[in-house]
Protein backbone atom coordinates (compact mmCIF):
# COMPACT_ATOMS: atom_id res chain seq x y z
CA MET A 1 52.87 -9.83 7.72
CA GLY A 2 50.67 -6.74 7.48
CA ARG A 3 46.94 -6.32 7.45
CA ILE A 4 44.57 -6.12 4.50
CA LEU A 5 42.28 -3.09 4.58
CA ALA A 6 38.99 -3.06 2.67
CA ILE A 7 37.17 0.05 1.51
CA ASP A 8 33.50 0.51 0.76
CA TYR A 9 33.73 3.89 -0.96
CA GLY A 10 30.98 6.45 -0.80
CA VAL A 11 30.90 10.11 -1.75
CA LYS A 12 29.95 11.02 1.84
CA ARG A 13 31.35 8.12 3.90
CA ILE A 14 33.89 5.33 3.57
CA GLY A 15 33.35 2.06 5.38
CA LEU A 16 36.53 0.29 6.42
CA ALA A 17 37.28 -3.28 7.43
CA VAL A 18 40.59 -4.90 8.25
CA THR A 19 42.10 -8.33 8.75
CA ASP A 20 44.08 -9.61 11.65
CA GLU A 21 47.87 -9.72 11.15
CA MET A 22 47.66 -13.29 9.80
CA GLN A 23 45.20 -12.07 7.13
CA MET A 24 42.67 -14.71 8.05
CA ILE A 25 39.80 -12.91 9.79
CA ALA A 26 37.95 -9.80 8.58
CA PHE A 27 36.30 -7.40 10.98
CA GLY A 28 34.73 -3.97 10.74
CA LEU A 29 37.03 -1.13 11.60
CA VAL A 30 35.23 2.20 11.28
CA THR A 31 33.32 4.47 8.93
CA VAL A 32 34.96 7.83 8.25
CA PRO A 33 33.75 10.87 6.34
CA THR A 34 35.26 10.74 2.84
CA THR A 35 36.89 14.12 3.39
CA GLU A 36 38.80 12.71 6.40
CA PHE A 37 39.86 9.40 4.85
CA PHE A 38 43.45 10.26 3.94
CA THR A 39 44.18 11.68 7.39
CA TYR A 40 42.68 8.57 8.95
CA LEU A 41 44.68 6.23 6.70
CA SER A 42 47.89 8.12 7.36
CA ASN A 43 47.36 7.82 11.12
CA TYR A 44 46.34 4.17 10.85
CA THR A 45 49.35 3.15 8.75
CA GLN A 46 51.68 4.77 11.27
CA LYS A 47 50.34 2.36 13.91
CA GLU A 48 49.61 -0.72 11.79
CA LYS A 49 51.34 -2.30 8.80
CA VAL A 50 49.01 -2.53 5.81
CA ASP A 51 50.13 -4.78 2.94
CA LEU A 52 47.10 -4.41 0.70
CA ILE A 53 44.03 -2.25 0.22
CA VAL A 54 40.99 -3.90 -1.36
CA VAL A 55 38.61 -1.36 -2.87
CA GLY A 56 35.07 -2.42 -3.60
CA GLU A 57 34.22 -2.44 -7.29
CA PRO A 58 30.54 -1.69 -7.87
CA LYS A 59 29.17 -3.32 -11.00
CA GLN A 60 25.85 -3.45 -12.76
CA MET A 61 24.10 -6.79 -13.26
CA ASP A 62 25.52 -7.00 -16.80
CA ASN A 63 29.06 -6.68 -15.33
CA SER A 64 29.51 -3.12 -16.61
CA ALA A 65 30.95 -0.46 -14.33
CA SER A 66 28.62 1.34 -11.96
CA GLU A 67 28.08 5.09 -12.19
CA SER A 68 30.08 5.57 -8.98
CA GLU A 69 33.28 4.43 -10.73
CA VAL A 70 33.80 8.04 -11.88
CA HIS A 71 34.40 8.90 -8.21
CA ILE A 72 36.27 5.73 -7.23
CA LEU A 73 38.95 5.76 -9.94
CA PRO A 74 40.39 9.19 -8.99
CA PHE A 75 40.16 8.16 -5.33
CA ILE A 76 42.28 5.06 -6.04
CA GLU A 77 44.83 7.15 -7.94
CA LYS A 78 45.13 9.43 -4.93
CA ILE A 79 45.72 6.42 -2.65
CA LYS A 80 48.46 5.20 -5.00
CA GLU A 81 50.03 8.65 -4.99
CA LYS A 82 49.95 9.11 -1.19
CA PHE A 83 50.71 5.49 -0.22
CA PRO A 84 52.85 4.05 -3.05
CA ALA A 85 54.15 1.15 -0.92
CA ILE A 86 50.66 -0.32 -0.43
CA SER A 87 49.24 -2.53 -3.18
CA ILE A 88 45.66 -2.01 -4.29
CA LYS A 89 43.22 -4.57 -5.64
CA ARG A 90 39.59 -4.29 -6.64
CA HIS A 91 36.86 -6.71 -5.61
CA ASP A 92 33.26 -7.01 -6.76
CA GLU A 93 30.94 -5.41 -4.23
CA ARG A 94 27.57 -6.17 -5.80
CA PHE A 95 24.82 -6.68 -3.22
CA THR A 96 27.06 -5.89 -0.22
CA SER A 97 24.79 -3.11 1.04
CA LYS A 98 21.77 -5.43 0.85
CA MET A 99 23.74 -8.18 2.56
CA ALA A 100 24.85 -5.73 5.25
CA PHE A 101 21.26 -4.66 5.90
CA GLN A 102 20.16 -8.31 6.04
CA THR A 103 22.96 -9.03 8.51
CA MET A 104 21.64 -6.23 10.69
CA LEU A 105 18.12 -7.71 10.51
CA ASP A 106 19.36 -11.22 11.25
CA SER A 107 21.32 -10.01 14.27
CA GLY A 108 18.15 -8.53 15.76
CA MET A 109 19.11 -4.87 15.55
CA LYS A 110 16.35 -2.41 16.27
CA LYS A 111 14.93 -0.28 13.48
CA LYS A 112 16.73 2.83 14.73
CA GLN A 113 20.09 1.01 14.64
CA ARG A 114 19.41 -0.27 11.11
CA ARG A 115 19.03 3.33 9.90
CA ASN A 116 22.68 3.96 10.78
CA LYS A 117 24.19 4.26 7.29
CA ALA A 118 27.72 4.44 8.70
CA LEU A 119 27.25 1.00 10.23
CA ILE A 120 25.93 -0.35 6.92
CA ASP A 121 29.08 0.99 5.20
CA GLU A 122 31.35 -0.67 7.77
CA ILE A 123 29.51 -3.99 7.48
CA SER A 124 29.65 -3.71 3.67
CA ALA A 125 33.43 -3.24 3.84
CA THR A 126 33.64 -6.32 6.06
CA ILE A 127 31.62 -8.36 3.56
CA ILE A 128 33.89 -7.17 0.71
CA LEU A 129 36.94 -8.23 2.71
CA GLN A 130 35.48 -11.59 3.76
CA ASP A 131 34.62 -12.35 0.15
CA TYR A 132 38.08 -11.28 -1.00
CA LEU A 133 39.72 -13.56 1.58
CA LYS A 134 37.77 -16.54 0.18
CA THR A 135 39.36 -15.96 -3.24
CA PHE A 136 42.79 -14.99 -1.90
């Protein structure tokens, strides 16, 4: 069985989280610049088997699509084009950034560490993946 990879997409950075091989536990992987994502994914999939990519789906409170969908949809199409063997699913990512920041507070991180937006993106991807695994 391969891993499940979760993506918290951003125009500047992409937070990534991944499961263990049994697809039971989610953990933060890395945050990569968006411009380097496809190189990173290519290298990663040469080392690890990935069965599924879960892409965060930002929604407004009324369930309508977020403004960032205009960037995410072409990004997903490019993943499908470059990695046709990997399935892609979407998962609601509302409040993940706030939850990530709260996680950082609860864990006792210093203010300087909490300003690390890359870490927030990675934690957000982990929350997306954990939530997806609950419904899986």
